[in-house]
Amino acid sequence: MGFLFLAFQSLYMLLPALLANLVPPLFRKVNFLGYPVDLGARWKGKPLFGSHKTYRGLFFGITAAIIIAYVQSVLFSSSGWLRQASLIDYSAHNFVILGMLLGFGALFGDLVKSFFKRRVGVKPGKPWIPFDQLDFVVGALLFLALVYIPSWKVMLFLLVVVPILHILTNHIGFYLGINKSKW
């Protein structure tokens, strides 16, 4: 298996999680479900996650992941090449379940990271390398493991390359005015 093919397969499989992680900042000005996930609760004097982790972000992130999983399932059905390249057999898995697992997993990983980030005193939006770049990948892979476990090569690729891509996309989002920070 060539590196570029492995890269395509790995990123294509993780695409719902990648978009679930990318989408919440795009909807931060939408006046819908803007309540913090932790509802303002504190633990040992610090917020559980912070006011920027909202139900709105969960809703739009998971919805985006389900939509992408749907598109992937349609493409899987209609494209011979994509059927061969896909790591997941979309005909054997419900796209809603796949989207929910990957989307929720990515956002859950981000929430867990935010919990620990608050514990060590890192402010929201401030970099916490490498955890800011790995949280959603690890969460997505853990939840995806309920229905599909990728090869060690795929997992290694995702754990090494996605953090680099995450930094690049955050920088682009910052310069486009979508993200508040480069990280």
N, C-alpha and C. Protein backbone atom coordinates (compact mmCIF):
# COMPACT_ATOMS: atom_id res chain seq x y z
N MET A 1 0.86 -1.18 0.00
CA MET A 1 0.00 0.00 0.00
C MET A 1 0.89 1.23 0.00
N GLY A 2 0.71 2.09 -1.00
CA GLY A 2 1.50 3.30 -1.08
C GLY A 2 1.07 4.33 -0.06
N PHE A 3 2.00 5.22 0.28
CA PHE A 3 1.74 6.22 1.31
C PHE A 3 0.56 7.13 0.93
N LEU A 4 0.50 7.57 -0.32
CA LEU A 4 -0.59 8.47 -0.72
C LEU A 4 -1.95 7.77 -0.66
N PHE A 5 -1.98 6.50 -1.01
CA PHE A 5 -3.23 5.75 -0.92
C PHE A 5 -3.64 5.58 0.54
N LEU A 6 -2.68 5.26 1.39
CA LEU A 6 -2.94 5.15 2.83
C LEU A 6 -3.44 6.49 3.38
N ALA A 7 -2.83 7.57 2.93
CA ALA A 7 -3.24 8.90 3.38
C ALA A 7 -4.68 9.17 2.96
N PHE A 8 -5.01 8.88 1.70
CA PHE A 8 -6.38 9.10 1.23
C PHE A 8 -7.37 8.26 2.03
N GLN A 9 -7.09 6.97 2.15
CA GLN A 9 -8.00 6.08 2.87
C GLN A 9 -8.22 6.55 4.31
N SER A 10 -7.15 6.89 4.97
CA SER A 10 -7.21 7.28 6.38
C SER A 10 -8.00 8.57 6.57
N LEU A 11 -7.68 9.58 5.76
CA LEU A 11 -8.37 10.87 5.88
C LEU A 11 -9.82 10.76 5.44
N TYR A 12 -10.09 9.96 4.42
CA TYR A 12 -11.46 9.76 3.97
C TYR A 12 -12.29 9.09 5.07
N MET A 13 -11.72 8.09 5.73
CA MET A 13 -12.43 7.43 6.82
C MET A 13 -12.73 8.40 7.96
N LEU A 14 -11.78 9.28 8.27
CA LEU A 14 -11.91 10.19 9.40
C LEU A 14 -12.63 11.49 9.02
N LEU A 15 -12.98 11.66 7.76
CA LEU A 15 -13.58 12.91 7.29
C LEU A 15 -14.77 13.39 8.12
N PRO A 16 -15.72 12.52 8.51
CA PRO A 16 -16.82 13.02 9.35
C PRO A 16 -16.33 13.62 10.67
N ALA A 17 -15.33 13.02 11.27
CA ALA A 17 -14.77 13.54 12.53
C ALA A 17 -14.02 14.84 12.31
N LEU A 18 -13.27 14.90 11.21
CA LEU A 18 -12.54 16.13 10.90
C LEU A 18 -13.49 17.31 10.75
N LEU A 19 -14.59 17.08 10.03
CA LEU A 19 -15.56 18.17 9.84
C LEU A 19 -16.34 18.46 11.11
N ALA A 20 -16.63 17.43 11.90
CA ALA A 20 -17.31 17.67 13.18
C ALA A 20 -16.47 18.57 14.07
N ASN A 21 -15.17 18.42 14.01
CA ASN A 21 -14.27 19.24 14.80
C ASN A 21 -14.12 20.65 14.22
N LEU A 22 -14.26 20.77 12.91
CA LEU A 22 -14.09 22.04 12.22
C LEU A 22 -15.34 22.93 12.26
N VAL A 23 -16.51 22.34 12.26
CA VAL A 23 -17.77 23.06 12.09
C VAL A 23 -18.18 23.96 13.27
N PRO A 24 -18.04 23.55 14.54
CA PRO A 24 -18.58 24.39 15.63
C PRO A 24 -18.19 25.87 15.59
N PRO A 25 -16.93 26.23 15.32
CA PRO A 25 -16.62 27.67 15.27
C PRO A 25 -17.37 28.42 14.16
N LEU A 26 -17.75 27.72 13.10
CA LEU A 26 -18.47 28.36 12.01
C LEU A 26 -19.87 28.80 12.43
N PHE A 27 -20.42 28.17 13.46
CA PHE A 27 -21.78 28.45 13.90
C PHE A 27 -21.84 29.17 15.24
N ARG A 28 -20.73 29.70 15.71
CA ARG A 28 -20.71 30.31 17.04
C ARG A 28 -21.61 31.54 17.16
N LYS A 29 -21.96 32.17 16.04
CA LYS A 29 -22.83 33.35 16.10
C LYS A 29 -24.31 32.99 15.90
N VAL A 30 -24.60 31.72 15.65
CA VAL A 30 -25.98 31.27 15.51
C VAL A 30 -26.61 31.22 16.90
N ASN A 31 -27.77 31.85 17.02
CA ASN A 31 -28.44 31.93 18.31
C ASN A 31 -29.33 30.70 18.53
N PHE A 32 -28.71 29.54 18.67
CA PHE A 32 -29.42 28.27 18.81
C PHE A 32 -28.58 27.35 19.68
N LEU A 33 -29.15 26.85 20.74
CA LEU A 33 -28.46 25.92 21.65
C LEU A 33 -27.12 26.46 22.13
N GLY A 34 -27.04 27.73 22.39
CA GLY A 34 -25.79 28.34 22.80
C GLY A 34 -25.44 28.14 24.27
N TYR A 35 -26.00 27.11 24.88
CA TYR A 35 -25.76 26.85 26.30
C TYR A 35 -24.48 26.03 26.47
N PRO A 36 -23.68 26.38 27.46
CA PRO A 36 -22.47 25.59 27.71
C PRO A 36 -22.83 24.14 28.07
N VAL A 37 -22.06 23.21 27.57
CA VAL A 37 -22.28 21.79 27.85
C VAL A 37 -22.22 21.54 29.35
N ASP A 38 -21.33 22.24 30.05
CA ASP A 38 -21.20 22.04 31.49
C ASP A 38 -22.22 22.85 32.29
N LEU A 39 -23.06 23.62 31.58
CA LEU A 39 -24.10 24.45 32.21
C LEU A 39 -23.54 25.35 33.32
N GLY A 40 -22.27 25.74 33.17
CA GLY A 40 -21.63 26.63 34.13
C GLY A 40 -21.10 25.95 35.37
N ALA A 41 -21.18 24.62 35.41
CA ALA A 41 -20.70 23.88 36.59
C ALA A 41 -19.19 24.04 36.75
N ARG A 42 -18.76 23.98 37.97
CA ARG A 42 -17.34 24.11 38.29
C ARG A 42 -16.91 22.91 39.11
N TRP A 43 -15.62 22.62 39.00
CA TRP A 43 -15.03 21.55 39.81
C TRP A 43 -13.73 22.09 40.38
N LYS A 44 -13.65 22.09 41.69
CA LYS A 44 -12.48 22.65 42.39
C LYS A 44 -12.21 24.08 41.94
N GLY A 45 -13.31 24.84 41.78
CA GLY A 45 -13.20 26.27 41.46
C GLY A 45 -12.96 26.60 40.00
N LYS A 46 -12.86 25.60 39.15
CA LYS A 46 -12.60 25.85 37.72
C LYS A 46 -13.75 25.27 36.90
N PRO A 47 -14.05 25.90 35.75
CA PRO A 47 -15.12 25.36 34.89
C PRO A 47 -14.80 23.92 34.46
N LEU A 48 -15.84 23.12 34.30
CA LEU A 48 -15.62 21.76 33.81
C LEU A 48 -14.98 21.78 32.43
N PHE A 49 -15.62 22.51 31.50
CA PHE A 49 -15.10 22.60 30.13
C PHE A 49 -14.88 24.04 29.69
N GLY A 50 -15.75 24.93 30.11
CA GLY A 50 -15.69 26.32 29.70
C GLY A 50 -16.94 26.70 28.92
N SER A 51 -17.23 27.97 28.89
CA SER A 51 -18.47 28.45 28.27
C SER A 51 -18.46 28.32 26.75
N HIS A 52 -17.31 28.13 26.15
CA HIS A 52 -17.22 28.04 24.69
C HIS A 52 -17.55 26.64 24.15
N LYS A 53 -17.69 25.66 25.01
CA LYS A 53 -18.09 24.30 24.60
C LYS A 53 -19.60 24.21 24.78
N THR A 54 -20.33 24.33 23.67
CA THR A 54 -21.79 24.47 23.75
C THR A 54 -22.53 23.31 23.09
N TYR A 55 -23.81 23.24 23.45
CA TYR A 55 -24.69 22.27 22.80
C TYR A 55 -24.85 22.61 21.31
N ARG A 56 -24.74 23.87 20.97
CA ARG A 56 -24.79 24.29 19.57
C ARG A 56 -23.65 23.62 18.80
N GLY A 57 -22.45 23.67 19.36
CA GLY A 57 -21.30 23.05 18.72
C GLY A 57 -21.48 21.55 18.57
N LEU A 58 -22.00 20.89 19.61
CA LEU A 58 -22.27 19.46 19.52
C LEU A 58 -23.29 19.17 18.42
N PHE A 59 -24.37 19.93 18.42
CA PHE A 59 -25.43 19.71 17.43
C PHE A 59 -24.90 19.86 16.01
N PHE A 60 -24.27 20.99 15.71
CA PHE A 60 -23.81 21.22 14.34
C PHE A 60 -22.64 20.31 13.96
N GLY A 61 -21.77 20.01 14.91
CA GLY A 61 -20.66 19.11 14.63
C GLY A 61 -21.12 17.71 14.30
N ILE A 62 -22.03 17.18 15.12
CA ILE A 62 -22.54 15.83 14.88
C ILE A 62 -23.39 15.79 13.62
N THR A 63 -24.18 16.83 13.40
CA THR A 63 -24.99 16.90 12.18
C THR A 63 -24.10 16.89 10.93
N ALA A 64 -23.03 17.66 10.96
CA ALA A 64 -22.09 17.68 9.82
C ALA A 64 -21.48 16.30 9.60
N ALA A 65 -21.13 15.62 10.67
CA ALA A 65 -20.53 14.29 10.56
C ALA A 65 -21.53 13.30 9.94
N ILE A 66 -22.78 13.38 10.34
CA ILE A 66 -23.80 12.49 9.78
C ILE A 66 -24.00 12.78 8.29
N ILE A 67 -24.03 14.06 7.93
CA ILE A 67 -24.19 14.43 6.51
C ILE A 67 -23.02 13.89 5.68
N ILE A 68 -21.81 14.04 6.19
CA ILE A 68 -20.63 13.54 5.46
C ILE A 68 -20.66 12.02 5.37
N ALA A 69 -21.05 11.34 6.43
CA ALA A 69 -21.16 9.88 6.39
C ALA A 69 -22.22 9.45 5.38
N TYR A 70 -23.29 10.23 5.26
CA TYR A 70 -24.32 9.94 4.25
C TYR A 70 -23.72 10.07 2.84
N VAL A 71 -23.03 11.16 2.59
CA VAL A 71 -22.40 11.36 1.29
C VAL A 71 -21.42 10.22 1.00
N GLN A 72 -20.65 9.83 2.00
CA GLN A 72 -19.71 8.72 1.81
C GLN A 72 -20.45 7.42 1.46
N SER A 73 -21.58 7.19 2.11
CA SER A 73 -22.33 5.96 1.83
C SER A 73 -22.91 5.97 0.41
N VAL A 74 -23.37 7.15 -0.05
CA VAL A 74 -23.88 7.27 -1.42
C VAL A 74 -22.74 7.05 -2.41
N LEU A 75 -21.59 7.68 -2.16
CA LEU A 75 -20.44 7.51 -3.05
C LEU A 75 -19.96 6.07 -3.07
N PHE A 76 -20.01 5.41 -1.91
CA PHE A 76 -19.61 4.01 -1.82
C PHE A 76 -20.50 3.15 -2.72
N SER A 77 -21.78 3.47 -2.76
CA SER A 77 -22.74 2.70 -3.56
C SER A 77 -22.59 2.95 -5.06
N SER A 78 -22.12 4.15 -5.42
CA SER A 78 -22.12 4.51 -6.84
C SER A 78 -20.75 4.54 -7.50
N SER A 79 -19.69 4.34 -6.75
CA SER A 79 -18.35 4.46 -7.31
C SER A 79 -17.54 3.19 -7.06
N GLY A 80 -17.15 2.54 -8.13
CA GLY A 80 -16.33 1.34 -7.99
C GLY A 80 -14.98 1.63 -7.36
N TRP A 81 -14.33 2.71 -7.82
CA TRP A 81 -13.01 3.05 -7.29
C TRP A 81 -13.09 3.41 -5.81
N LEU A 82 -14.08 4.22 -5.44
CA LEU A 82 -14.22 4.63 -4.04
C LEU A 82 -14.62 3.45 -3.16
N ARG A 83 -15.37 2.54 -3.70
CA ARG A 83 -15.72 1.33 -2.95
C ARG A 83 -14.45 0.54 -2.61
N GLN A 84 -13.55 0.46 -3.57
CA GLN A 84 -12.30 -0.27 -3.34
C GLN A 84 -11.38 0.47 -2.38
N ALA A 85 -11.42 1.80 -2.41
CA ALA A 85 -10.52 2.60 -1.57
C ALA A 85 -11.03 2.79 -0.15
N SER A 86 -12.33 2.64 0.06
CA SER A 86 -12.91 2.88 1.38
C SER A 86 -12.47 1.81 2.38
N LEU A 87 -12.08 2.25 3.54
CA LEU A 87 -11.74 1.32 4.60
C LEU A 87 -13.00 0.73 5.24
N ILE A 88 -14.07 1.52 5.28
CA ILE A 88 -15.31 1.09 5.89
C ILE A 88 -16.27 0.63 4.79
N ASP A 89 -16.91 -0.50 5.04
CA ASP A 89 -17.93 -1.00 4.12
C ASP A 89 -19.24 -0.30 4.49
N TYR A 90 -19.56 0.75 3.75
CA TYR A 90 -20.74 1.56 4.06
C TYR A 90 -22.04 0.80 3.81
N SER A 91 -22.00 -0.27 3.03
CA SER A 91 -23.22 -1.06 2.82
C SER A 91 -23.53 -1.91 4.05
N ALA A 92 -22.54 -2.14 4.89
CA ALA A 92 -22.74 -2.96 6.10
C ALA A 92 -22.94 -2.12 7.36
N HIS A 93 -22.81 -0.81 7.25
CA HIS A 93 -22.94 0.08 8.41
C HIS A 93 -23.93 1.20 8.09
N ASN A 94 -24.72 1.55 9.06
CA ASN A 94 -25.67 2.64 8.92
C ASN A 94 -24.91 3.96 8.98
N PHE A 95 -25.12 4.82 7.98
CA PHE A 95 -24.38 6.08 7.93
C PHE A 95 -24.69 6.98 9.13
N VAL A 96 -25.90 6.90 9.67
CA VAL A 96 -26.23 7.72 10.85
C VAL A 96 -25.38 7.28 12.04
N ILE A 97 -25.25 5.98 12.23
CA ILE A 97 -24.44 5.46 13.34
C ILE A 97 -22.98 5.85 13.14
N LEU A 98 -22.45 5.65 11.93
CA LEU A 98 -21.06 6.03 11.66
C LEU A 98 -20.83 7.52 11.90
N GLY A 99 -21.72 8.34 11.37
CA GLY A 99 -21.59 9.79 11.56
C GLY A 99 -21.65 10.18 13.02
N MET A 100 -22.60 9.59 13.75
CA MET A 100 -22.72 9.92 15.17
C MET A 100 -21.49 9.47 15.95
N LEU A 101 -20.99 8.27 15.67
CA LEU A 101 -19.81 7.78 16.40
C LEU A 101 -18.59 8.65 16.12
N LEU A 102 -18.36 8.94 14.85
CA LEU A 102 -17.19 9.76 14.50
C LEU A 102 -17.34 11.20 14.97
N GLY A 103 -18.53 11.78 14.77
CA GLY A 103 -18.77 13.17 15.17
C GLY A 103 -18.76 13.34 16.67
N PHE A 104 -19.54 12.51 17.37
CA PHE A 104 -19.57 12.62 18.82
C PHE A 104 -18.22 12.26 19.41
N GLY A 105 -17.58 11.24 18.86
CA GLY A 105 -16.25 10.85 19.36
C GLY A 105 -15.25 11.99 19.27
N ALA A 106 -15.24 12.68 18.14
CA ALA A 106 -14.33 13.81 17.96
C ALA A 106 -14.62 14.91 18.98
N LEU A 107 -15.90 15.23 19.15
CA LEU A 107 -16.26 16.32 20.07
C LEU A 107 -16.12 15.90 21.53
N PHE A 108 -16.37 14.62 21.82
CA PHE A 108 -16.15 14.11 23.17
C PHE A 108 -14.67 14.17 23.53
N GLY A 109 -13.81 13.79 22.58
CA GLY A 109 -12.36 13.89 22.81
C GLY A 109 -11.96 15.32 23.11
N ASP A 110 -12.57 16.27 22.40
CA ASP A 110 -12.30 17.69 22.64
C ASP A 110 -12.77 18.12 24.02
N LEU A 111 -13.93 17.63 24.46
CA LEU A 111 -14.43 17.95 25.80
C LEU A 111 -13.50 17.40 26.88
N VAL A 112 -13.06 16.17 26.73
CA VAL A 112 -12.15 15.57 27.71
C VAL A 112 -10.86 16.38 27.79
N LYS A 113 -10.34 16.76 26.63
CA LYS A 113 -9.12 17.58 26.62
C LYS A 113 -9.36 18.92 27.31
N SER A 114 -10.52 19.53 27.04
CA SER A 114 -10.85 20.81 27.67
C SER A 114 -10.94 20.68 29.18
N PHE A 115 -11.49 19.57 29.65
CA PHE A 115 -11.56 19.33 31.10
C PHE A 115 -10.16 19.38 31.70
N PHE A 116 -9.22 18.65 31.11
CA PHE A 116 -7.86 18.62 31.63
C PHE A 116 -7.13 19.94 31.41
N LYS A 117 -7.44 20.59 30.32
CA LYS A 117 -6.84 21.90 30.02
C LYS A 117 -7.22 22.90 31.12
N ARG A 118 -8.49 22.88 31.55
CA ARG A 118 -8.92 23.76 32.64
C ARG A 118 -8.23 23.40 33.95
N ARG A 119 -8.00 22.10 34.18
CA ARG A 119 -7.36 21.66 35.43
C ARG A 119 -5.94 22.20 35.55
N VAL A 120 -5.22 22.27 34.43
CA VAL A 120 -3.83 22.73 34.49
C VAL A 120 -3.71 24.23 34.26
N GLY A 121 -4.88 24.91 34.11
CA GLY A 121 -4.88 26.37 34.03
C GLY A 121 -4.64 26.96 32.66
N VAL A 122 -4.77 26.17 31.60
CA VAL A 122 -4.64 26.71 30.25
C VAL A 122 -5.97 27.33 29.86
N LYS A 123 -5.95 28.57 29.47
CA LYS A 123 -7.17 29.31 29.11
C LYS A 123 -7.73 28.82 27.77
N PRO A 124 -9.06 28.93 27.59
CA PRO A 124 -9.67 28.56 26.31
C PRO A 124 -9.03 29.34 25.16
N GLY A 125 -8.77 28.64 24.07
CA GLY A 125 -8.19 29.27 22.90
C GLY A 125 -6.67 29.33 22.92
N LYS A 126 -6.08 29.09 24.08
CA LYS A 126 -4.61 29.08 24.17
C LYS A 126 -4.10 27.71 23.77
N PRO A 127 -2.94 27.64 23.11
CA PRO A 127 -2.44 26.34 22.64
C PRO A 127 -2.04 25.41 23.78
N TRP A 128 -2.31 24.14 23.56
CA TRP A 128 -1.87 23.08 24.47
C TRP A 128 -1.43 21.91 23.60
N ILE A 129 -0.27 22.11 23.01
CA ILE A 129 0.28 21.16 22.05
C ILE A 129 0.86 19.96 22.81
N PRO A 130 0.64 18.74 22.40
CA PRO A 130 -0.02 18.23 21.21
C PRO A 130 -1.49 17.86 21.45
N PHE A 131 -1.98 18.11 22.67
CA PHE A 131 -3.32 17.64 23.02
C PHE A 131 -4.43 18.29 22.20
N ASP A 132 -4.27 19.57 21.86
CA ASP A 132 -5.26 20.25 21.02
C ASP A 132 -5.38 19.60 19.65
N GLN A 133 -4.33 18.96 19.21
CA GLN A 133 -4.32 18.37 17.88
C GLN A 133 -4.69 16.89 17.88
N LEU A 134 -4.61 16.24 19.03
CA LEU A 134 -4.86 14.79 19.09
C LEU A 134 -6.22 14.43 19.68
N ASP A 135 -6.81 15.32 20.44
CA ASP A 135 -8.03 15.01 21.19
C ASP A 135 -9.15 14.45 20.33
N PHE A 136 -9.46 15.11 19.24
CA PHE A 136 -10.59 14.68 18.42
C PHE A 136 -10.27 13.41 17.64
N VAL A 137 -9.00 13.20 17.27
CA VAL A 137 -8.62 11.98 16.56
C VAL A 137 -8.77 10.78 17.48
N VAL A 138 -8.24 10.90 18.69
CA VAL A 138 -8.32 9.79 19.65
C VAL A 138 -9.78 9.50 19.99
N GLY A 139 -10.56 10.55 20.26
CA GLY A 139 -11.98 10.35 20.57
C GLY A 139 -12.72 9.68 19.43
N ALA A 140 -12.49 10.14 18.20
CA ALA A 140 -13.17 9.55 17.05
C ALA A 140 -12.79 8.09 16.86
N LEU A 141 -11.50 7.78 16.98
CA LEU A 141 -11.06 6.39 16.82
C LEU A 141 -11.61 5.48 17.92
N LEU A 142 -11.69 5.99 19.14
CA LEU A 142 -12.25 5.19 20.24
C LEU A 142 -13.72 4.87 20.00
N PHE A 143 -14.50 5.87 19.59
CA PHE A 143 -15.92 5.62 19.36
C PHE A 143 -16.15 4.79 18.09
N LEU A 144 -15.34 5.03 17.05
CA LEU A 144 -15.45 4.24 15.83
C LEU A 144 -15.16 2.77 16.11
N ALA A 145 -14.29 2.50 17.09
CA ALA A 145 -13.91 1.12 17.43
C ALA A 145 -15.11 0.28 17.86
N LEU A 146 -16.22 0.92 18.18
CA LEU A 146 -17.43 0.16 18.51
C LEU A 146 -17.96 -0.62 17.31
N VAL A 147 -17.64 -0.13 16.08
CA VAL A 147 -18.13 -0.81 14.87
C VAL A 147 -17.01 -1.15 13.88
N TYR A 148 -15.85 -0.50 14.00
CA TYR A 148 -14.77 -0.74 13.04
C TYR A 148 -13.44 -0.35 13.68
N ILE A 149 -12.46 -1.22 13.58
CA ILE A 149 -11.12 -0.93 14.10
C ILE A 149 -10.16 -0.88 12.92
N PRO A 150 -9.60 0.31 12.64
CA PRO A 150 -8.66 0.42 11.52
C PRO A 150 -7.33 -0.25 11.85
N SER A 151 -6.54 -0.47 10.81
CA SER A 151 -5.23 -1.09 10.99
C SER A 151 -4.30 -0.17 11.78
N TRP A 152 -3.24 -0.73 12.28
CA TRP A 152 -2.27 0.07 13.05
C TRP A 152 -1.63 1.12 12.16
N LYS A 153 -1.46 0.82 10.86
CA LYS A 153 -0.88 1.81 9.94
C LYS A 153 -1.77 3.03 9.80
N VAL A 154 -3.07 2.79 9.69
CA VAL A 154 -4.03 3.88 9.57
C VAL A 154 -4.02 4.71 10.85
N MET A 155 -4.07 4.04 12.00
CA MET A 155 -4.08 4.77 13.27
C MET A 155 -2.80 5.58 13.46
N LEU A 156 -1.66 4.99 13.12
CA LEU A 156 -0.39 5.70 13.25
C LEU A 156 -0.36 6.91 12.32
N PHE A 157 -0.79 6.74 11.08
CA PHE A 157 -0.85 7.85 10.15
C PHE A 157 -1.70 8.98 10.72
N LEU A 158 -2.90 8.64 11.17
CA LEU A 158 -3.81 9.66 11.69
C LEU A 158 -3.24 10.38 12.91
N LEU A 159 -2.59 9.64 13.78
CA LEU A 159 -2.04 10.24 15.01
C LEU A 159 -0.81 11.11 14.74
N VAL A 160 -0.14 10.88 13.60
CA VAL A 160 1.03 11.68 13.27
C VAL A 160 0.68 12.83 12.31
N VAL A 161 -0.06 12.54 11.26
CA VAL A 161 -0.30 13.52 10.21
C VAL A 161 -1.45 14.49 10.53
N VAL A 162 -2.52 14.00 11.14
CA VAL A 162 -3.67 14.87 11.41
C VAL A 162 -3.30 16.04 12.32
N PRO A 163 -2.46 15.85 13.36
CA PRO A 163 -2.08 17.03 14.15
C PRO A 163 -1.40 18.13 13.31
N ILE A 164 -0.61 17.73 12.35
CA ILE A 164 0.04 18.71 11.47
C ILE A 164 -1.02 19.42 10.62
N LEU A 165 -1.93 18.65 10.06
CA LEU A 165 -3.02 19.24 9.27
C LEU A 165 -3.92 20.13 10.13
N HIS A 166 -4.12 19.73 11.37
CA HIS A 166 -4.94 20.52 12.31
C HIS A 166 -4.33 21.89 12.54
N ILE A 167 -3.04 21.93 12.74
CA ILE A 167 -2.35 23.22 12.95
C ILE A 167 -2.48 24.09 11.70
N LEU A 168 -2.29 23.47 10.53
CA LEU A 168 -2.41 24.24 9.27
C LEU A 168 -3.81 24.79 9.07
N THR A 169 -4.85 23.97 9.31
CA THR A 169 -6.22 24.46 9.11
C THR A 169 -6.60 25.51 10.14
N ASN A 170 -6.10 25.39 11.35
CA ASN A 170 -6.37 26.42 12.36
C ASN A 170 -5.72 27.74 11.97
N HIS A 171 -4.53 27.69 11.44
CA HIS A 171 -3.88 28.92 10.98
C HIS A 171 -4.69 29.56 9.84
N ILE A 172 -5.14 28.74 8.91
CA ILE A 172 -5.95 29.26 7.80
C ILE A 172 -7.24 29.87 8.35
N GLY A 173 -7.90 29.16 9.29
CA GLY A 173 -9.13 29.67 9.91
C GLY A 173 -8.90 30.98 10.65
N PHE A 174 -7.74 31.11 11.28
CA PHE A 174 -7.42 32.35 12.00
C PHE A 174 -7.28 33.51 11.00
N TYR A 175 -6.56 33.27 9.92
CA TYR A 175 -6.35 34.34 8.94
C TYR A 175 -7.61 34.68 8.14
N LEU A 176 -8.57 33.73 8.10
CA LEU A 176 -9.84 34.01 7.45
C LEU A 176 -10.86 34.62 8.41
N GLY A 177 -10.47 34.74 9.69
CA GLY A 177 -11.35 35.33 10.69
C GLY A 177 -12.36 34.35 11.27
N ILE A 178 -12.20 33.06 11.04
CA ILE A 178 -13.12 32.06 11.56
C ILE A 178 -12.73 31.66 12.97
N ASN A 179 -11.44 31.42 13.20
CA ASN A 179 -10.93 31.05 14.53
C ASN A 179 -10.39 32.27 15.24
N LYS A 180 -10.51 32.23 16.58
CA LYS A 180 -10.01 33.36 17.38
C LYS A 180 -8.51 33.26 17.63
N SER A 181 -7.94 32.05 17.46
CA SER A 181 -6.51 31.90 17.66
C SER A 181 -5.95 30.98 16.57
N LYS A 182 -4.64 30.96 16.44
CA LYS A 182 -4.00 30.13 15.42
C LYS A 182 -3.97 28.66 15.83
N TRP A 183 -4.26 28.38 17.06
CA TRP A 183 -4.12 27.01 17.55
C TRP A 183 -5.47 26.35 17.67
